[in-house]
C-alpha atoms as a PDB file:
ATOM      1  CA  MET A   1       0.128  -0.094  -0.047  1.00  0.00           C
ATOM      2  CA  PRO A   2       1.885   2.942  -1.256  1.00  0.00           C
ATOM      3  CA  LEU A   3       1.679   6.441   0.437  1.00  0.00           C
ATOM      4  CA  PRO A   4      -0.235   8.614  -1.932  1.00  0.00           C
ATOM      5  CA  GLY A   5       1.431  11.385  -4.263  1.00  0.00           C
ATOM      6  CA  ASN A   6       4.501  10.987  -6.281  1.00  0.00           C
ATOM      7  CA  GLY A   7       7.095  12.142  -3.571  1.00  0.00           C
ATOM      8  CA  LYS A   8       7.718  15.213  -5.350  1.00  0.00           C
ATOM      9  CA  SER A   9       7.374  17.250  -2.213  1.00  0.00           C
ATOM     10  CA  LEU A  10       9.620  15.197  -0.132  1.00  0.00           C
ATOM     11  CA  ARG A  11      12.485  15.332  -2.847  1.00  0.00           C
ATOM     12  CA  ILE A  12      12.192  19.065  -2.869  1.00  0.00           C
ATOM     13  CA  GLN A  13      12.175  19.492   1.058  1.00  0.00           C
ATOM     14  CA  VAL A  14      14.949  16.708   1.673  1.00  0.00           C
ATOM     15  CA  GLY A  15      17.295  18.356  -1.361  1.00  0.00           C
ATOM     16  CA  ALA A  16      16.945  21.969   0.092  1.00  0.00           C
ATOM     17  CA  ALA A  17      17.581  20.771   3.399  1.00  0.00           C
ATOM     18  CA  ARG A  18      20.685  19.033   2.229  1.00  0.00           C
ATOM     19  CA  GLU A  19      21.771  22.132   0.043  1.00  0.00           C
ATOM     20  CA  ARG A  20      21.600  23.917   3.199  1.00  0.00           C
ATOM     21  CA  GLN A  21      24.099  21.416   4.903  1.00  0.00           C
ATOM     22  CA  GLY A  22      26.469  21.945   1.951  1.00  0.00           C
ATOM     23  CA  ARG A  23      25.910  18.660   0.293  1.00  0.00           C
ATOM     24  CA  ASN A  24      24.395  17.656  -2.827  1.00  0.00           C
ATOM     25  CA  ALA A  25      20.462  17.547  -3.070  1.00  0.00           C
ATOM     26  CA  SER A  26      20.638  13.463  -3.824  1.00  0.00           C
ATOM     27  CA  SER A  27      22.545  11.216  -1.804  1.00  0.00           C
ATOM     28  CA  ALA A  28      25.254   8.132  -3.064  1.00  0.00           C
ATOM     29  CA  PHE A  29      24.687   6.445   0.334  1.00  0.00           C
ATOM     30  CA  LEU A  30      21.604   5.189   1.907  1.00  0.00           C
ATOM     31  CA  ILE A  31      20.476   3.205   5.102  1.00  0.00           C
ATOM     32  CA  LEU A  32      17.266   0.928   4.666  1.00  0.00           C
ATOM     33  CA  ASP A  33      15.258  -0.295   7.516  1.00  0.00           C
ATOM     34  CA  ALA A  34      11.550  -1.362   8.531  1.00  0.00           C
ATOM     35  CA  GLN A  35       9.682  -0.829  11.511  1.00  0.00           C
ATOM     36  CA  SER A  36       6.475  -2.852  12.655  1.00  0.00           C
ATOM     37  CA  VAL A  37       3.987  -0.726  14.559  1.00  0.00           C
ATOM     38  CA  LYS A  38       0.432  -1.352  15.952  1.00  0.00           C
ATOM     39  CA  ASN A  39      -2.512   0.371  14.571  1.00  0.00           C
ATOM     40  CA  THR A  40      -6.067   0.478  15.873  1.00  0.00           C
ATOM     41  CA  ASP A  41      -8.342  -2.547  15.934  1.00  0.00           C
ATOM     42  CA  THR A  42     -10.783  -0.769  13.536  1.00  0.00           C
ATOM     43  CA  ALA A  43      -7.921  -0.071  10.936  1.00  0.00           C
ATOM     44  CA  ALA A  44      -9.079  -1.605   7.667  1.00  0.00           C
ATOM     45  CA  LEU A  45      -5.686  -2.390   6.585  1.00  0.00           C
ATOM     46  CA  LYS A  46      -3.471  -4.178   8.882  1.00  0.00           C
ATOM     47  CA  GLY A  47      -1.554  -7.542   9.038  1.00  0.00           C
ATOM     48  CA  TYR A  48       0.468  -9.579  11.436  1.00  0.00           C
ATOM     49  CA  ASP A  49       4.161  -9.539  11.679  1.00  0.00           C
ATOM     50  CA  ALA A  50       5.136 -12.818  13.136  1.00  0.00           C
ATOM     51  CA  GLY A  51       8.626 -11.998  13.830  1.00  0.00           C
ATOM     52  CA  LYS A  52       7.913  -9.217  16.024  1.00  0.00           C
ATOM     53  CA  LYS A  53       4.511 -10.335  17.235  1.00  0.00           C
ATOM     54  CA  VAL A  54       2.845  -7.241  16.033  1.00  0.00           C
ATOM     55  CA  SER A  55      -0.728  -6.712  14.367  1.00  0.00           C
ATOM     56  CA  GLY A  56      -0.639  -3.727  12.412  1.00  0.00           C
ATOM     57  CA  ILE A  57       1.452  -1.930   9.716  1.00  0.00           C
ATOM     58  CA  LYS A  58       5.357  -1.725   8.814  1.00  0.00           C
ATOM     59  CA  ARG A  59       7.061   1.515   7.801  1.00  0.00           C
ATOM     60  CA  HIS A  60       9.744   1.022   5.338  1.00  0.00           C
ATOM     61  CA  ILE A  61      12.552   3.857   4.939  1.00  0.00           C
ATOM     62  CA  ALA A  62      15.649   4.783   3.431  1.00  0.00           C
ATOM     63  CA  VAL A  63      17.627   7.827   4.873  1.00  0.00           C
ATOM     64  CA  ASP A  64      20.910   9.563   4.235  1.00  0.00           C
ATOM     65  CA  THR A  65      23.661  10.169   6.892  1.00  0.00           C
ATOM     66  CA  GLN A  66      21.640  13.001   8.337  1.00  0.00           C
ATOM     67  CA  GLY A  67      18.575  10.630   8.736  1.00  0.00           C
ATOM     68  CA  LEU A  68      16.685  12.458   5.902  1.00  0.00           C
ATOM     69  CA  PRO A  69      14.214  10.189   4.100  1.00  0.00           C
ATOM     70  CA  HIS A  70      14.783   9.438   0.511  1.00  0.00           C
ATOM     71  CA  ALA A  71      12.184   6.603  -0.051  1.00  0.00           C
ATOM     72  CA  ILE A  72       9.161   5.817   2.093  1.00  0.00           C
ATOM     73  CA  ALA A  73       6.572   3.006   1.931  1.00  0.00           C
ATOM     74  CA  VAL A  74       4.009   1.794   4.318  1.00  0.00           C
ATOM     75  CA  THR A  75       2.715  -1.733   3.946  1.00  0.00           C
ATOM     76  CA  THR A  76       0.751  -4.374   6.024  1.00  0.00           C
ATOM     77  CA  ALA A  77       2.842  -5.797   8.854  1.00  0.00           C
ATOM     78  CA  GLU A  78       3.187  -9.361   7.126  1.00  0.00           C
ATOM     79  CA  VAL A  79       5.225  -7.869   4.036  1.00  0.00           C
ATOM     80  CA  THR A  80       8.531  -8.802   4.726  1.00  0.00           C
ATOM     81  CA  ASP A  81      11.424  -6.197   5.081  1.00  0.00           C
ATOM     82  CA  ARG A  82      13.051  -6.980   1.593  1.00  0.00           C
ATOM     83  CA  LYS A  83       9.830  -6.773  -0.334  1.00  0.00           C
ATOM     84  CA  GLY A  84       8.541  -3.365   1.481  1.00  0.00           C
ATOM     85  CA  ALA A  85      12.109  -2.080   0.834  1.00  0.00           C
ATOM     86  CA  LEU A  86      11.684  -2.887  -2.927  1.00  0.00           C
ATOM     87  CA  GLN A  87       8.483  -1.286  -3.081  1.00  0.00           C
ATOM     88  CA  ALA A  88       9.884   2.239  -1.438  1.00  0.00           C
ATOM     89  CA  LEU A  89      13.020   2.135  -3.892  1.00  0.00           C
ATOM     90  CA  GLN A  90      10.605   1.447  -6.856  1.00  0.00           C
ATOM     91  CA  ARG A  91       8.371   4.193  -5.563  1.00  0.00           C
ATOM     92  CA  CYS A  92      11.165   6.730  -5.221  1.00  0.00           C
ATOM     93  CA  LYS A  93      13.430   5.694  -8.037  1.00  0.00           C
ATOM     94  CA  LEU A  94      13.402   8.715 -10.097  1.00  0.00           C
ATOM     95  CA  THR A  95      14.993  10.710  -7.209  1.00  0.00           C
ATOM     96  CA  LEU A  96      17.495   7.858  -6.251  1.00  0.00           C
ATOM     97  CA  ASN A  97      19.512   8.008  -9.463  1.00  0.00           C
ATOM     98  CA  LYS A  98      22.695   8.888  -7.732  1.00  0.00           C
ATOM     99  CA  VAL A  99      22.728   6.191  -5.044  1.00  0.00           C
ATOM    100  CA  GLN A 100      25.712   3.872  -5.174  1.00  0.00           C
ATOM    101  CA  ARG A 101      25.553   2.165  -1.869  1.00  0.00           C
ATOM    102  CA  LEU A 102      22.678   0.896   0.338  1.00  0.00           C
ATOM    103  CA  LEU A 103      23.485  -0.251   3.994  1.00  0.00           C
ATOM    104  CA  CYS A 104      21.109  -2.892   5.444  1.00  0.00           C
ATOM    105  CA  ASP A 105      20.845  -5.179   8.510  1.00  0.00           C
ATOM    106  CA  SER A 106      20.674  -8.950   8.286  1.00  0.00           C
ATOM    107  CA  GLY A 107      16.774  -8.997   7.336  1.00  0.00           C
ATOM    108  CA  TYR A 108      17.899  -8.010   3.661  1.00  0.00           C
ATOM    109  CA  VAL A 109      20.333 -10.631   3.077  1.00  0.00           C
ATOM    110  CA  GLY A 110      20.139 -12.700   0.182  1.00  0.00           C
ATOM    111  CA  GLN A 111      20.635 -12.491  -3.514  1.00  0.00           C
ATOM    112  CA  PRO A 112      17.199 -11.911  -4.620  1.00  0.00           C
ATOM    113  CA  PHE A 113      16.983  -8.481  -2.773  1.00  0.00           C
ATOM    114  CA  ALA A 114      20.512  -7.579  -3.906  1.00  0.00           C
ATOM    115  CA  GLN A 115      19.226  -8.332  -7.600  1.00  0.00           C
ATOM    116  CA  GLY A 116      15.819  -6.389  -6.957  1.00  0.00           C
ATOM    117  CA  VAL A 117      17.888  -3.193  -5.925  1.00  0.00           C
ATOM    118  CA  LYS A 118      20.062  -3.733  -9.009  1.00  0.00           C
ATOM    119  CA  ASP A 119      16.976  -3.883 -11.131  1.00  0.00           C
ATOM    120  CA  ILE A 120      15.539  -0.994  -9.838  1.00  0.00           C
ATOM    121  CA  LEU A 121      18.411   1.548  -9.222  1.00  0.00           C
ATOM    122  CA  GLY A 122      20.911  -0.002 -11.813  1.00  0.00           C
ATOM    123  CA  GLU A 123      23.575  -2.530 -11.871  1.00  0.00           C
ATOM    124  CA  HIS A 124      25.981  -0.028 -10.326  1.00  0.00           C
ATOM    125  CA  VAL A 125      24.506  -0.063  -6.708  1.00  0.00           C
ATOM    126  CA  THR A 126      26.036  -2.171  -3.900  1.00  0.00           C
ATOM    127  CA  VAL A 127      24.084  -3.560  -1.050  1.00  0.00           C
ATOM    128  CA  GLN A 128      26.024  -3.925   2.207  1.00  0.00           C
ATOM    129  CA  ILE A 129      24.855  -5.975   5.020  1.00  0.00           C
ATOM    130  CA  SER A 130      25.696  -4.893   8.433  1.00  0.00           C
ATOM    131  CA  LYS A 131      25.930  -7.937  10.747  1.00  0.00           C
ATOM    132  CA  ARG A 132      26.263  -8.213  14.407  1.00  0.00           C
ATOM    133  CA  SER A 133      29.285  -9.792  16.006  1.00  0.00           C
ATOM    134  CA  GLU A 134      27.223 -11.265  18.974  1.00  0.00           C
ATOM    135  CA  LEU A 135      23.808 -13.005  18.811  1.00  0.00           C
ATOM    136  CA  HIS A 136      21.032 -11.712  20.817  1.00  0.00           C
ATOM    137  CA  ALA A 137      23.031  -8.830  22.348  1.00  0.00           C
ATOM    138  CA  PHE A 138      22.158  -5.209  21.850  1.00  0.00           C
ATOM    139  CA  LYS A 139      24.776  -3.249  20.428  1.00  0.00           C
ATOM    140  CA  VAL A 140      24.727   0.167  18.413  1.00  0.00           C
ATOM    141  CA  MET A 141      25.962  -0.067  15.198  1.00  0.00           C
ATOM    142  CA  PRO A 142      27.428   2.990  13.729  1.00  0.00           C
ATOM    143  CA  LYS A 143      25.636   4.415  10.627  1.00  0.00           C
ATOM    144  CA  ARG A 144      22.984   1.917  11.062  1.00  0.00           C
ATOM    145  CA  TRP A 145      21.493   3.883  14.238  1.00  0.00           C
ATOM    146  CA  VAL A 146      20.820   6.776  12.150  1.00  0.00           C
ATOM    147  CA  VAL A 147      17.721   4.940  10.489  1.00  0.00           C
ATOM    148  CA  GLU A 148      16.546   4.021  13.908  1.00  0.00           C
ATOM    149  CA  ARG A 149      16.977   7.683  14.918  1.00  0.00           C
ATOM    150  CA  SER A 150      14.519   8.594  12.000  1.00  0.00           C
ATOM    151  CA  PHE A 151      11.825   6.244  13.147  1.00  0.00           C
ATOM    152  CA  ALA A 152      11.777   7.776  16.560  1.00  0.00           C
END
């Protein structure tokens, strides 16, 4: 379920904010993530994310190193992180022509996702998976934390 509109307003606002910081309007490096959140019992569109045990929706975003959003999609919660991220990238691909690298967590591992990114954004784009060194231990991962801050 993509958001309404074509993202033109988002692109203009993000580009202007980046230029005020002395950067190019477009980013070459993006960080991807998804967040499952509860929505009301009366909501017409919702699903169940079995991994997080959440009934609701899932927000997918790709942000630059400053936390500014470059691609956004909202889906029902059962949509996988990989599929939702590809939807967000497809939806905003006209504004992502300068992207060269995507940083993702282990939820995006796999050749089908990497190939989907290349099909949407071009063969030059590299998908980098950020892996934890210790299982089941919370550890702040530099750069990846930027996208978590953006959700907040």
